[in-house]
């Protein structure tokens, strides 16, 4: 499924999917960058950030919440559901 994550911070982040066997995904996301990626429905996107003490896991989001349902005529992505 097609997914989208937006780095709404002023820092670089690392996105990683590690919970799916035989699946490897890791990307750097720059500030304000929109990341489009494909992932299996059971995948969880881990967001890691750098601190003075090293890299820490700052968020883990099921990819089903990041699924893109369509691309509108104005080229804006429409997410299938909102995270509560």
PDB file of N, CA and C in Angstrom:
ATOM      1  N   UNK A   1       0.844  -1.180   0.000  1.00  0.00           N
ATOM      2  CA  UNK A   1       0.000   0.000   0.000  1.00  0.00           C
ATOM      3  C   UNK A   1       0.887   1.240   0.000  1.00  0.00           C
ATOM      4  N   UNK A   2       0.391   2.303  -0.597  1.00  0.00           N
ATOM      5  CA  UNK A   2       1.124   3.560  -0.665  1.00  0.00           C
ATOM      6  C   UNK A   2       0.888   4.345   0.615  1.00  0.00           C
ATOM      7  N   UNK A   3       1.977   4.833   1.214  1.00  0.00           N
ATOM      8  CA  UNK A   3       1.905   5.554   2.486  1.00  0.00           C
ATOM      9  C   UNK A   3       2.630   6.889   2.371  1.00  0.00           C
ATOM     10  N   UNK A   4       2.304   7.792   3.292  1.00  0.00           N
ATOM     11  CA  UNK A   4       2.929   9.108   3.314  1.00  0.00           C
ATOM     12  C   UNK A   4       3.207   9.518   4.757  1.00  0.00           C
ATOM     13  N   UNK A   5       4.416  10.019   4.997  1.00  0.00           N
ATOM     14  CA  UNK A   5       4.781  10.572   6.301  1.00  0.00           C
ATOM     15  C   UNK A   5       5.413  11.932   6.050  1.00  0.00           C
ATOM     16  N   UNK A   6       5.037  12.934   6.850  1.00  0.00           N
ATOM     17  CA  UNK A   6       5.585  14.280   6.716  1.00  0.00           C
ATOM     18  C   UNK A   6       6.402  14.602   7.959  1.00  0.00           C
ATOM     19  N   UNK A   7       7.646  15.003   7.751  1.00  0.00           N
ATOM     20  CA  UNK A   7       8.495  15.453   8.853  1.00  0.00           C
ATOM     21  C   UNK A   7       8.150  16.907   9.133  1.00  0.00           C
ATOM     22  N   UNK A   8       7.340  17.135  10.132  1.00  0.00           N
ATOM     23  CA  UNK A   8       6.912  18.480  10.489  1.00  0.00           C
ATOM     24  C   UNK A   8       7.844  19.165  11.468  1.00  0.00           C
ATOM     25  N   UNK A   9       9.040  18.604  11.666  1.00  0.00           N
ATOM     26  CA  UNK A   9       9.998  19.186  12.598  1.00  0.00           C
ATOM     27  C   UNK A   9      11.054  19.984  11.843  1.00  0.00           C
ATOM     28  N   UNK A  10      11.933  20.619  12.591  1.00  0.00           N
ATOM     29  CA  UNK A  10      13.058  21.344  11.994  1.00  0.00           C
ATOM     30  C   UNK A  10      14.330  20.502  12.014  1.00  0.00           C
ATOM     31  N   UNK A  11      14.206  19.222  12.330  1.00  0.00           N
ATOM     32  CA  UNK A  11      15.358  18.313  12.441  1.00  0.00           C
ATOM     33  C   UNK A  11      15.264  17.193  11.410  1.00  0.00           C
ATOM     34  N   UNK A  12      16.420  16.639  11.049  1.00  0.00           N
ATOM     35  CA  UNK A  12      16.425  15.443  10.208  1.00  0.00           C
ATOM     36  C   UNK A  12      15.989  14.257  11.054  1.00  0.00           C
ATOM     37  N   UNK A  13      15.194  13.374  10.456  1.00  0.00           N
ATOM     38  CA  UNK A  13      14.729  12.167  11.126  1.00  0.00           C
ATOM     39  C   UNK A  13      15.124  10.953  10.293  1.00  0.00           C
ATOM     40  N   UNK A  14      15.117   9.796  10.931  1.00  0.00           N
ATOM     41  CA  UNK A  14      15.357   8.530  10.236  1.00  0.00           C
ATOM     42  C   UNK A  14      14.076   7.720  10.319  1.00  0.00           C
ATOM     43  N   UNK A  15      13.567   7.281   9.171  1.00  0.00           N
ATOM     44  CA  UNK A  15      12.376   6.425   9.120  1.00  0.00           C
ATOM     45  C   UNK A  15      12.843   5.002   8.856  1.00  0.00           C
ATOM     46  N   UNK A  16      12.240   4.060   9.574  1.00  0.00           N
ATOM     47  CA  UNK A  16      12.663   2.667   9.447  1.00  0.00           C
ATOM     48  C   UNK A  16      11.463   1.749   9.629  1.00  0.00           C
ATOM     49  N   UNK A  17      11.406   0.686   8.825  1.00  0.00           N
ATOM     50  CA  UNK A  17      10.436  -0.387   9.037  1.00  0.00           C
ATOM     51  C   UNK A  17      11.246  -1.618   9.394  1.00  0.00           C
ATOM     52  N   UNK A  18      11.021  -2.148  10.597  1.00  0.00           N
ATOM     53  CA  UNK A  18      11.831  -3.270  11.072  1.00  0.00           C
ATOM     54  C   UNK A  18      10.996  -4.457  11.528  1.00  0.00           C
ATOM     55  N   UNK A  19       9.675  -4.332  11.538  1.00  0.00           N
ATOM     56  CA  UNK A  19       8.839  -5.402  12.101  1.00  0.00           C
ATOM     57  C   UNK A  19       8.362  -6.428  11.072  1.00  0.00           C
ATOM     58  N   UNK A  20       8.750  -6.284   9.813  1.00  0.00           N
ATOM     59  CA  UNK A  20       8.298  -7.208   8.767  1.00  0.00           C
ATOM     60  C   UNK A  20       9.480  -8.092   8.350  1.00  0.00           C
ATOM     61  N   UNK A  21       9.341  -9.415   8.493  1.00  0.00           N
ATOM     62  CA  UNK A  21      10.439 -10.313   8.101  1.00  0.00           C
ATOM     63  C   UNK A  21      10.789 -10.157   6.615  1.00  0.00           C
ATOM     64  N   UNK A  22      12.067 -10.208   6.327  1.00  0.00           N
ATOM     65  CA  UNK A  22      12.582 -10.111   4.957  1.00  0.00           C
ATOM     66  C   UNK A  22      12.203  -8.799   4.269  1.00  0.00           C
ATOM     67  N   UNK A  23      11.984  -7.767   5.037  1.00  0.00           N
ATOM     68  CA  UNK A  23      11.631  -6.455   4.503  1.00  0.00           C
ATOM     69  C   UNK A  23      12.603  -5.453   5.102  1.00  0.00           C
ATOM     70  N   UNK A  24      13.231  -4.660   4.262  1.00  0.00           N
ATOM     71  CA  UNK A  24      14.204  -3.681   4.735  1.00  0.00           C
ATOM     72  C   UNK A  24      13.842  -2.316   4.173  1.00  0.00           C
ATOM     73  N   UNK A  25      13.631  -1.347   5.075  1.00  0.00           N
ATOM     74  CA  UNK A  25      13.311   0.011   4.643  1.00  0.00           C
ATOM     75  C   UNK A  25      13.934   0.976   5.633  1.00  0.00           C
ATOM     76  N   UNK A  26      14.719   1.921   5.120  1.00  0.00           N
ATOM     77  CA  UNK A  26      15.343   2.923   5.969  1.00  0.00           C
ATOM     78  C   UNK A  26      15.619   4.155   5.120  1.00  0.00           C
ATOM     79  N   UNK A  27      15.133   5.306   5.563  1.00  0.00           N
ATOM     80  CA  UNK A  27      15.307   6.552   4.808  1.00  0.00           C
ATOM     81  C   UNK A  27      15.547   7.718   5.765  1.00  0.00           C
ATOM     82  N   UNK A  28      16.339   8.674   5.312  1.00  0.00           N
ATOM     83  CA  UNK A  28      16.504   9.945   6.016  1.00  0.00           C
ATOM     84  C   UNK A  28      15.403  10.872   5.519  1.00  0.00           C
ATOM     85  N   UNK A  29      14.763  11.577   6.453  1.00  0.00           N
ATOM     86  CA  UNK A  29      13.708  12.529   6.089  1.00  0.00           C
ATOM     87  C   UNK A  29      14.159  13.913   6.550  1.00  0.00           C
ATOM     88  N   UNK A  30      14.293  14.821   5.622  1.00  0.00           N
ATOM     89  CA  UNK A  30      14.726  16.171   5.938  1.00  0.00           C
ATOM     90  C   UNK A  30      13.551  16.985   6.493  1.00  0.00           C
ATOM     91  N   UNK A  31      13.845  18.091   7.195  1.00  0.00           N
ATOM     92  CA  UNK A  31      12.774  18.920   7.752  1.00  0.00           C
ATOM     93  C   UNK A  31      11.758  19.333   6.685  1.00  0.00           C
ATOM     94  N   UNK A  32      10.492  19.210   7.027  1.00  0.00           N
ATOM     95  CA  UNK A  32       9.357  19.567   6.166  1.00  0.00           C
ATOM     96  C   UNK A  32       9.231  18.688   4.921  1.00  0.00           C
ATOM     97  N   UNK A  33      10.019  17.633   4.823  1.00  0.00           N
ATOM     98  CA  UNK A  33       9.947  16.738   3.665  1.00  0.00           C
ATOM     99  C   UNK A  33       8.771  15.778   3.799  1.00  0.00           C
ATOM    100  N   UNK A  34       8.171  15.446   2.668  1.00  0.00           N
ATOM    101  CA  UNK A  34       7.089  14.461   2.588  1.00  0.00           C
ATOM    102  C   UNK A  34       7.678  13.178   2.019  1.00  0.00           C
ATOM    103  N   UNK A  35       7.549  12.081   2.739  1.00  0.00           N
ATOM    104  CA  UNK A  35       8.083  10.790   2.313  1.00  0.00           C
ATOM    105  C   UNK A  35       6.943   9.901   1.838  1.00  0.00           C
ATOM    106  N   UNK A  36       6.979   9.513   0.567  1.00  0.00           N
ATOM    107  CA  UNK A  36       6.028   8.544   0.018  1.00  0.00           C
ATOM    108  C   UNK A  36       6.745   7.211  -0.081  1.00  0.00           C
ATOM    109  N   UNK A  37       6.097   6.151   0.380  1.00  0.00           N
ATOM    110  CA  UNK A  37       6.720   4.833   0.346  1.00  0.00           C
ATOM    111  C   UNK A  37       5.642   3.767   0.285  1.00  0.00           C
ATOM    112  N   UNK A  38       6.029   2.579  -0.176  1.00  0.00           N
ATOM    113  CA  UNK A  38       5.123   1.437  -0.187  1.00  0.00           C
ATOM    114  C   UNK A  38       5.513   0.506   0.939  1.00  0.00           C
ATOM    115  N   UNK A  39       4.499  -0.073   1.587  1.00  0.00           N
ATOM    116  CA  UNK A  39       4.743  -0.973   2.711  1.00  0.00           C
ATOM    117  C   UNK A  39       3.613  -1.984   2.812  1.00  0.00           C
ATOM    118  N   UNK A  40       3.902  -3.154   3.387  1.00  0.00           N
ATOM    119  CA  UNK A  40       2.838  -4.126   3.638  1.00  0.00           C
ATOM    120  C   UNK A  40       1.892  -3.595   4.720  1.00  0.00           C
ATOM    121  N   UNK A  41       0.638  -4.035   4.738  1.00  0.00           N
ATOM    122  CA  UNK A  41      -0.350  -3.521   5.698  1.00  0.00           C
ATOM    123  C   UNK A  41       0.047  -3.691   7.165  1.00  0.00           C
ATOM    124  N   UNK A  42       0.809  -4.720   7.491  1.00  0.00           N
ATOM    125  CA  UNK A  42       1.167  -4.971   8.889  1.00  0.00           C
ATOM    126  C   UNK A  42       2.397  -4.175   9.346  1.00  0.00           C
ATOM    127  N   UNK A  43       3.009  -3.414   8.459  1.00  0.00           N
ATOM    128  CA  UNK A  43       4.246  -2.697   8.788  1.00  0.00           C
ATOM    129  C   UNK A  43       3.999  -1.558   9.770  1.00  0.00           C
ATOM    130  N   UNK A  44       5.043  -1.273  10.564  1.00  0.00           N
ATOM    131  CA  UNK A  44       5.048  -0.115  11.460  1.00  0.00           C
ATOM    132  C   UNK A  44       6.238   0.752  11.093  1.00  0.00           C
ATOM    133  N   UNK A  45       5.986   2.033  10.898  1.00  0.00           N
ATOM    134  CA  UNK A  45       7.048   2.980  10.586  1.00  0.00           C
ATOM    135  C   UNK A  45       7.621   3.500  11.896  1.00  0.00           C
ATOM    136  N   UNK A  46       8.906   3.269  12.108  1.00  0.00           N
ATOM    137  CA  UNK A  46       9.595   3.791  13.288  1.00  0.00           C
ATOM    138  C   UNK A  46      10.272   5.096  12.894  1.00  0.00           C
ATOM    139  N   UNK A  47      10.120   6.111  13.733  1.00  0.00           N
ATOM    140  CA  UNK A  47      10.767   7.398  13.511  1.00  0.00           C
ATOM    141  C   UNK A  47      11.836   7.564  14.584  1.00  0.00           C
ATOM    142  N   UNK A  48      13.067   7.722  14.132  1.00  0.00           N
ATOM    143  CA  UNK A  48      14.206   7.885  15.034  1.00  0.00           C
ATOM    144  C   UNK A  48      14.758   9.291  14.864  1.00  0.00           C
ATOM    145  N   UNK A  49      15.237   9.855  15.973  1.00  0.00           N
ATOM    146  CA  UNK A  49      15.858  11.179  15.893  1.00  0.00           C
ATOM    147  C   UNK A  49      17.168  11.171  16.664  1.00  0.00           C
ATOM    148  N   UNK A  50      18.059  12.049  16.265  1.00  0.00           N
ATOM    149  CA  UNK A  50      19.355  12.162  16.929  1.00  0.00           C
ATOM    150  C   UNK A  50      19.255  13.088  18.125  1.00  0.00           C
ATOM    151  N   UNK A  51      19.916  12.696  19.195  1.00  0.00           N
ATOM    152  CA  UNK A  51      20.034  13.532  20.383  1.00  0.00           C
ATOM    153  C   UNK A  51      21.510  13.591  20.757  1.00  0.00           C
ATOM    154  N   UNK A  52      21.819  14.336  21.794  1.00  0.00           N
ATOM    155  CA  UNK A  52      23.196  14.396  22.273  1.00  0.00           C
ATOM    156  C   UNK A  52      23.661  13.035  22.780  1.00  0.00           C
ATOM    157  N   UNK A  53      22.728  12.200  23.207  1.00  0.00           N
ATOM    158  CA  UNK A  53      23.053  10.880  23.750  1.00  0.00           C
ATOM    159  C   UNK A  53      23.044   9.790  22.678  1.00  0.00           C
ATOM    160  N   UNK A  54      22.688  10.123  21.458  1.00  0.00           N
ATOM    161  CA  UNK A  54      22.624   9.137  20.380  1.00  0.00           C
ATOM    162  C   UNK A  54      21.256   9.148  19.725  1.00  0.00           C
ATOM    163  N   UNK A  55      20.973   8.113  18.961  1.00  0.00           N
ATOM    164  CA  UNK A  55      19.696   8.006  18.254  1.00  0.00           C
ATOM    165  C   UNK A  55      18.653   7.356  19.149  1.00  0.00           C
ATOM    166  N   UNK A  56      17.446   7.943  19.181  1.00  0.00           N
ATOM    167  CA  UNK A  56      16.362   7.360  19.978  1.00  0.00           C
ATOM    168  C   UNK A  56      15.120   7.171  19.105  1.00  0.00           C
ATOM    169  N   UNK A  57      14.327   6.183  19.484  1.00  0.00           N
ATOM    170  CA  UNK A  57      13.040   5.949  18.825  1.00  0.00           C
ATOM    171  C   UNK A  57      12.055   6.968  19.380  1.00  0.00           C
ATOM    172  N   UNK A  58      11.550   7.844  18.519  1.00  0.00           N
ATOM    173  CA  UNK A  58      10.631   8.878  18.999  1.00  0.00           C
ATOM    174  C   UNK A  58       9.176   8.573  18.693  1.00  0.00           C
ATOM    175  N   UNK A  59       8.921   7.669  17.729  1.00  0.00           N
ATOM    176  CA  UNK A  59       7.535   7.335  17.392  1.00  0.00           C
ATOM    177  C   UNK A  59       7.493   6.021  16.628  1.00  0.00           C
ATOM    178  N   UNK A  60       6.392   5.308  16.761  1.00  0.00           N
ATOM    179  CA  UNK A  60       6.141   4.086  15.999  1.00  0.00           C
ATOM    180  C   UNK A  60       4.692   4.154  15.527  1.00  0.00           C
ATOM    181  N   UNK A  61       4.498   4.180  14.207  1.00  0.00           N
ATOM    182  CA  UNK A  61       3.173   4.418  13.633  1.00  0.00           C
ATOM    183  C   UNK A  61       2.790   3.250  12.729  1.00  0.00           C
ATOM    184  N   UNK A  62       1.654   2.601  12.981  1.00  0.00           N
ATOM    185  CA  UNK A  62       1.194   1.569  12.040  1.00  0.00           C
ATOM    186  C   UNK A  62       0.983   2.193  10.658  1.00  0.00           C
ATOM    187  N   UNK A  63       1.523   1.558   9.640  1.00  0.00           N
ATOM    188  CA  UNK A  63       1.449   2.119   8.282  1.00  0.00           C
ATOM    189  C   UNK A  63       0.018   2.240   7.772  1.00  0.00           C
ATOM    190  N   UNK A  64      -0.904   1.473   8.334  1.00  0.00           N
ATOM    191  CA  UNK A  64      -2.298   1.599   7.885  1.00  0.00           C
ATOM    192  C   UNK A  64      -2.842   3.001   8.172  1.00  0.00           C
ATOM    193  N   UNK A  65      -2.273   3.704   9.176  1.00  0.00           N
ATOM    194  CA  UNK A  65      -2.687   5.078   9.460  1.00  0.00           C
ATOM    195  C   UNK A  65      -2.050   6.082   8.503  1.00  0.00           C
ATOM    196  N   UNK A  66      -1.029   5.661   7.780  1.00  0.00           N
ATOM    197  CA  UNK A  66      -0.319   6.544   6.860  1.00  0.00           C
ATOM    198  C   UNK A  66      -0.703   6.291   5.406  1.00  0.00           C
ATOM    199  N   UNK A  67      -1.649   5.396   5.205  1.00  0.00           N
ATOM    200  CA  UNK A  67      -2.039   4.993   3.850  1.00  0.00           C
ATOM    201  C   UNK A  67      -2.655   6.156   3.081  1.00  0.00           C
ATOM    202  N   UNK A  68      -2.245   6.299   1.841  1.00  0.00           N
ATOM    203  CA  UNK A  68      -2.799   7.317   0.947  1.00  0.00           C
ATOM    204  C   UNK A  68      -3.979   6.688   0.229  1.00  0.00           C
ATOM    205  N   UNK A  69      -5.144   7.309   0.336  1.00  0.00           N
ATOM    206  CA  UNK A  69      -6.321   6.728  -0.307  1.00  0.00           C
ATOM    207  C   UNK A  69      -6.472   7.190  -1.747  1.00  0.00           C
ATOM    208  N   UNK A  70      -6.005   8.403  -2.047  1.00  0.00           N
ATOM    209  CA  UNK A  70      -6.076   8.898  -3.424  1.00  0.00           C
ATOM    210  C   UNK A  70      -5.221  10.147  -3.534  1.00  0.00           C
ATOM    211  N   UNK A  71      -4.974  10.539  -4.751  1.00  0.00           N
ATOM    212  CA  UNK A  71      -4.303  11.808  -5.019  1.00  0.00           C
ATOM    213  C   UNK A  71      -5.322  12.675  -5.737  1.00  0.00           C
ATOM    214  N   UNK A  72      -5.629  13.822  -5.160  1.00  0.00           N
ATOM    215  CA  UNK A  72      -6.680  14.674  -5.707  1.00  0.00           C
ATOM    216  C   UNK A  72      -6.188  15.424  -6.942  1.00  0.00           C
ATOM    217  N   UNK A  73      -7.094  16.110  -7.599  1.00  0.00           N
ATOM    218  CA  UNK A  73      -6.768  16.873  -8.802  1.00  0.00           C
ATOM    219  C   UNK A  73      -5.787  18.007  -8.522  1.00  0.00           C
ATOM    220  N   UNK A  74      -5.719  18.459  -7.286  1.00  0.00           N
ATOM    221  CA  UNK A  74      -4.809  19.552  -6.938  1.00  0.00           C
ATOM    222  C   UNK A  74      -3.454  19.020  -6.490  1.00  0.00           C
ATOM    223  N   UNK A  75      -3.205  17.734  -6.733  1.00  0.00           N
ATOM    224  CA  UNK A  75      -1.949  17.079  -6.368  1.00  0.00           C
ATOM    225  C   UNK A  75      -1.696  17.065  -4.867  1.00  0.00           C
ATOM    226  N   UNK A  76      -2.751  17.092  -4.094  1.00  0.00           N
ATOM    227  CA  UNK A  76      -2.615  16.958  -2.647  1.00  0.00           C
ATOM    228  C   UNK A  76      -2.936  15.526  -2.266  1.00  0.00           C
ATOM    229  N   UNK A  77      -2.167  15.005  -1.344  1.00  0.00           N
ATOM    230  CA  UNK A  77      -2.406  13.641  -0.886  1.00  0.00           C
ATOM    231  C   UNK A  77      -3.547  13.629   0.106  1.00  0.00           C
ATOM    232  N   UNK A  78      -4.353  12.601   0.053  1.00  0.00           N
ATOM    233  CA  UNK A  78      -5.450  12.435   0.991  1.00  0.00           C
ATOM    234  C   UNK A  78      -5.180  11.160   1.768  1.00  0.00           C
ATOM    235  N   UNK A  79      -4.967  11.298   3.071  1.00  0.00           N
ATOM    236  CA  UNK A  79      -4.713  10.128   3.895  1.00  0.00           C
ATOM    237  C   UNK A  79      -6.020   9.433   4.197  1.00  0.00           C
ATOM    238  N   UNK A  80      -5.965   8.116   4.299  1.00  0.00           N
ATOM    239  CA  UNK A  80      -7.189   7.338   4.462  1.00  0.00           C
ATOM    240  C   UNK A  80      -7.789   7.470   5.853  1.00  0.00           C
ATOM    241  N   UNK A  81      -6.976   7.760   6.853  1.00  0.00           N
ATOM    242  CA  UNK A  81      -7.498   7.912   8.212  1.00  0.00           C
ATOM    243  C   UNK A  81      -6.606   8.864   8.978  1.00  0.00           C
ATOM    244  N   UNK A  82      -7.152   9.408  10.037  1.00  0.00           N
ATOM    245  CA  UNK A  82      -6.388  10.325  10.875  1.00  0.00           C
ATOM    246  C   UNK A  82      -5.936   9.600  12.124  1.00  0.00           C
ATOM    247  N   UNK A  83      -4.780   9.984  12.623  1.00  0.00           N
ATOM    248  CA  UNK A  83      -4.271   9.401  13.866  1.00  0.00           C
ATOM    249  C   UNK A  83      -4.908  10.146  15.022  1.00  0.00           C
ATOM    250  N   UNK A  84      -5.489   9.402  15.938  1.00  0.00           N
ATOM    251  CA  UNK A  84      -6.163  10.034  17.076  1.00  0.00           C
ATOM    252  C   UNK A  84      -5.175  10.400  18.150  1.00  0.00           C
TER     253      UNK A  84
END
